C-alpha atoms as a PDB file:
ATOM      1  CA  MET A   1      -4.533  -8.154 -11.627  1.00  0.00           C
ATOM      2  CA  ASP A   2      -1.356  -7.130 -13.418  1.00  0.00           C
ATOM      3  CA  ASN A   3       1.223  -5.237 -11.287  1.00  0.00           C
ATOM      4  CA  LEU A   4       1.781  -2.639 -14.017  1.00  0.00           C
ATOM      5  CA  ILE A   5      -1.929  -1.846 -14.424  1.00  0.00           C
ATOM      6  CA  THR A   6      -2.402  -1.687 -10.646  1.00  0.00           C
ATOM      7  CA  GLY A   7       0.663   0.565 -10.371  1.00  0.00           C
ATOM      8  CA  GLU A   8      -0.782   2.902 -12.995  1.00  0.00           C
ATOM      9  CA  ARG A   9      -4.096   3.020 -11.106  1.00  0.00           C
ATOM     10  CA  ILE A  10      -2.325   3.860  -7.834  1.00  0.00           C
ATOM     11  CA  ALA A  11      -0.262   6.583  -9.545  1.00  0.00           C
ATOM     12  CA  ASP A  12      -3.391   8.025 -11.184  1.00  0.00           C
ATOM     13  CA  LEU A  13      -5.356   8.134  -7.912  1.00  0.00           C
ATOM     14  CA  LEU A  14      -2.465   9.745  -6.016  1.00  0.00           C
ATOM     15  CA  SER A  15      -2.106  12.329  -8.798  1.00  0.00           C
ATOM     16  CA  ILE A  16      -5.841  13.096  -8.740  1.00  0.00           C
ATOM     17  CA  LYS A  17      -5.576  13.635  -4.966  1.00  0.00           C
ATOM     18  CA  GLY A  18      -2.675  16.048  -5.575  1.00  0.00           C
ATOM     19  CA  ILE A  19      -0.223  13.893  -3.594  1.00  0.00           C
ATOM     20  CA  ASP A  20       3.499  14.194  -4.358  1.00  0.00           C
ATOM     21  CA  PHE A  21       4.918  10.686  -4.513  1.00  0.00           C
ATOM     22  CA  GLU A  22       7.973   8.757  -5.595  1.00  0.00           C
ATOM     23  CA  GLN A  23       7.746   5.455  -7.429  1.00  0.00           C
ATOM     24  CA  LYS A  24      10.411   2.733  -7.095  1.00  0.00           C
ATOM     25  CA  LYS A  25      10.788  -0.841  -8.251  1.00  0.00           C
ATOM     26  CA  MET A  26      10.923  -2.964  -5.108  1.00  0.00           C
ATOM     27  CA  PHE A  27       9.903  -6.472  -3.999  1.00  0.00           C
ATOM     28  CA  GLY A  28       9.296  -7.488  -7.620  1.00  0.00           C
ATOM     29  CA  GLY A  29       6.673  -4.766  -8.047  1.00  0.00           C
ATOM     30  CA  LEU A  30       6.243  -1.014  -7.758  1.00  0.00           C
ATOM     31  CA  CYS A  31       6.391   0.813  -4.443  1.00  0.00           C
ATOM     32  CA  PHE A  32       4.956   4.257  -3.867  1.00  0.00           C
ATOM     33  CA  LEU A  33       6.591   6.530  -1.307  1.00  0.00           C
ATOM     34  CA  VAL A  34       5.234   9.745   0.177  1.00  0.00           C
ATOM     35  CA  ASP A  35       7.584  11.911   2.258  1.00  0.00           C
ATOM     36  CA  ASP A  36      10.298   9.209   1.936  1.00  0.00           C
ATOM     37  CA  LYS A  37       7.971   6.644   3.559  1.00  0.00           C
ATOM     38  CA  MET A  38       6.535   3.554   1.941  1.00  0.00           C
ATOM     39  CA  LEU A  39       2.840   4.117   1.323  1.00  0.00           C
ATOM     40  CA  ALA A  40       1.708   1.155  -0.775  1.00  0.00           C
ATOM     41  CA  GLY A  41       2.897  -1.025  -3.597  1.00  0.00           C
ATOM     42  CA  THR A  42       2.105  -3.763  -6.028  1.00  0.00           C
ATOM     43  CA  TYR A  43       3.121  -7.184  -4.781  1.00  0.00           C
ATOM     44  CA  LYS A  44       2.467 -10.684  -6.150  1.00  0.00           C
ATOM     45  CA  GLY A  45      -0.637  -9.646  -8.107  1.00  0.00           C
ATOM     46  CA  GLY A  46      -2.115  -7.651  -5.239  1.00  0.00           C
ATOM     47  CA  VAL A  47      -1.503  -4.471  -3.275  1.00  0.00           C
ATOM     48  CA  MET A  48       0.696  -4.151  -0.223  1.00  0.00           C
ATOM     49  CA  ALA A  49      -0.675  -1.376   2.004  1.00  0.00           C
ATOM     50  CA  ARG A  50       1.034   0.326   4.960  1.00  0.00           C
ATOM     51  CA  VAL A  51      -1.656   1.227   7.472  1.00  0.00           C
ATOM     52  CA  SER A  52      -1.864   2.052  11.162  1.00  0.00           C
ATOM     53  CA  PRO A  53      -0.727  -1.015  13.140  1.00  0.00           C
ATOM     54  CA  GLU A  54      -3.571  -0.278  15.591  1.00  0.00           C
ATOM     55  CA  GLU A  55      -6.120  -0.537  12.771  1.00  0.00           C
ATOM     56  CA  ALA A  56      -4.519  -3.424  10.855  1.00  0.00           C
ATOM     57  CA  ASP A  57      -6.325  -6.281  12.652  1.00  0.00           C
ATOM     58  CA  LEU A  58      -9.736  -4.736  12.000  1.00  0.00           C
ATOM     59  CA  LEU A  59      -8.915  -3.996   8.338  1.00  0.00           C
ATOM     60  CA  ALA A  60      -7.548  -7.542   7.858  1.00  0.00           C
ATOM     61  CA  GLU A  61     -11.050  -8.886   8.597  1.00  0.00           C
ATOM     62  CA  LYS A  62     -12.317  -7.470   5.283  1.00  0.00           C
ATOM     63  CA  PRO A  63     -12.728  -9.994   2.429  1.00  0.00           C
ATOM     64  CA  GLY A  64      -9.578 -10.371   0.325  1.00  0.00           C
ATOM     65  CA  VAL A  65      -7.340  -8.744   2.965  1.00  0.00           C
ATOM     66  CA  SER A  66      -4.706 -10.377   5.179  1.00  0.00           C
ATOM     67  CA  HIS A  67      -1.653  -9.446   7.188  1.00  0.00           C
ATOM     68  CA  MET A  68       1.495  -9.166   5.076  1.00  0.00           C
ATOM     69  CA  ILE A  69       3.881 -12.072   5.631  1.00  0.00           C
ATOM     70  CA  HIS A  70       7.496 -11.561   4.564  1.00  0.00           C
ATOM     71  CA  ALA A  71      10.334 -13.990   5.268  1.00  0.00           C
ATOM     72  CA  GLY A  72       7.932 -16.127   7.300  1.00  0.00           C
ATOM     73  CA  ARG A  73       6.766 -13.436   9.714  1.00  0.00           C
ATOM     74  CA  ALA A  74       3.910 -10.957   9.866  1.00  0.00           C
ATOM     75  CA  MET A  75       4.892  -7.351   9.201  1.00  0.00           C
ATOM     76  CA  PRO A  76       3.055  -5.063  11.663  1.00  0.00           C
ATOM     77  CA  GLY A  77       0.980  -2.425   9.885  1.00  0.00           C
ATOM     78  CA  TYR A  78       1.321  -3.989   6.436  1.00  0.00           C
ATOM     79  CA  LEU A  79      -1.619  -5.643   4.689  1.00  0.00           C
ATOM     80  CA  MET A  80      -1.841  -7.763   1.551  1.00  0.00           C
ATOM     81  CA  ILE A  81      -4.922  -6.864  -0.463  1.00  0.00           C
ATOM     82  CA  GLU A  82      -6.105  -9.259  -3.148  1.00  0.00           C
ATOM     83  CA  SER A  83      -7.380  -7.821  -6.428  1.00  0.00           C
ATOM     84  CA  GLU A  84     -11.065  -8.505  -5.695  1.00  0.00           C
ATOM     85  CA  ALA A  85     -10.814  -6.108  -2.725  1.00  0.00           C
ATOM     86  CA  TYR A  86      -9.773  -3.159  -4.941  1.00  0.00           C
ATOM     87  CA  GLU A  87     -11.305  -3.847  -8.367  1.00  0.00           C
ATOM     88  CA  GLU A  88     -13.293  -0.611  -8.269  1.00  0.00           C
ATOM     89  CA  ASP A  89     -11.412   2.701  -8.142  1.00  0.00           C
ATOM     90  CA  GLU A  90     -13.475   3.652  -5.083  1.00  0.00           C
ATOM     91  CA  ALA A  91     -12.198   0.555  -3.248  1.00  0.00           C
ATOM     92  CA  LEU A  92      -8.583   1.226  -4.251  1.00  0.00           C
ATOM     93  CA  GLY A  93      -9.094   4.834  -3.132  1.00  0.00           C
ATOM     94  CA  PHE A  94     -10.274   3.570   0.276  1.00  0.00           C
ATOM     95  CA  TRP A  95      -7.017   1.657   0.759  1.00  0.00           C
ATOM     96  CA  LEU A  96      -4.880   4.557  -0.399  1.00  0.00           C
ATOM     97  CA  ASP A  97      -6.753   6.859   2.000  1.00  0.00           C
ATOM     98  CA  LYS A  98      -5.970   4.445   4.859  1.00  0.00           C
ATOM     99  CA  CYS A  99      -2.293   4.483   3.833  1.00  0.00           C
ATOM    100  CA  LEU A 100      -2.232   8.285   3.539  1.00  0.00           C
ATOM    101  CA  GLU A 101      -3.923   8.617   6.939  1.00  0.00           C
ATOM    102  CA  TYR A 102      -1.076   6.665   8.586  1.00  0.00           C
ATOM    103  CA  ASN A 103       1.778   8.094   6.494  1.00  0.00           C
ATOM    104  CA  PRO A 104       2.504  11.199   8.661  1.00  0.00           C
ATOM    105  CA  LYS A 105       2.979   8.901  11.697  1.00  0.00           C
ATOM    106  CA  ALA A 106       5.013   6.251   9.866  1.00  0.00           C
ATOM    107  CA  LYS A 107       8.759   5.907  10.283  1.00  0.00           C
ATOM    108  CA  SER A 108      10.789   7.073   7.289  1.00  0.00           C
ATOM    109  CA  SER A 109      12.182   4.372   5.016  1.00  0.00           C
ATOM    110  CA  LYS A 110      15.067   6.639   4.027  1.00  0.00           C
ATOM    111  CA  LYS A 111      18.494   5.635   5.297  1.00  0.00           C
ATOM    112  CA  LYS A 112      20.186   8.257   7.454  1.00  0.00           C
ATOM    113  CA  LYS A 113      23.617   9.370   6.227  1.00  0.00           C
END
């Protein structure tokens, strides 16, 4: 699925949920931040999702989902979700809910001054 279309879907679902978010171009796609923390993003035709590291292994067992690999190593708490695993808005909403559930516990991406 196209990164731009997926990005629009993510933005629409976050808006419907009443979530304040920031959108940035990162990693060759769009990243969505909530409270200065990376929530999810479009990446290589799929969705990169930041979820609870404790729940990541279980979620990675779902079809079309794997651990995010960047620079040759797995990134704890980050999943790569292929388009077939979020074709329906309900499925994309599930992944965003998982990201939003973890977001308050996640470390801020913002650089300290």
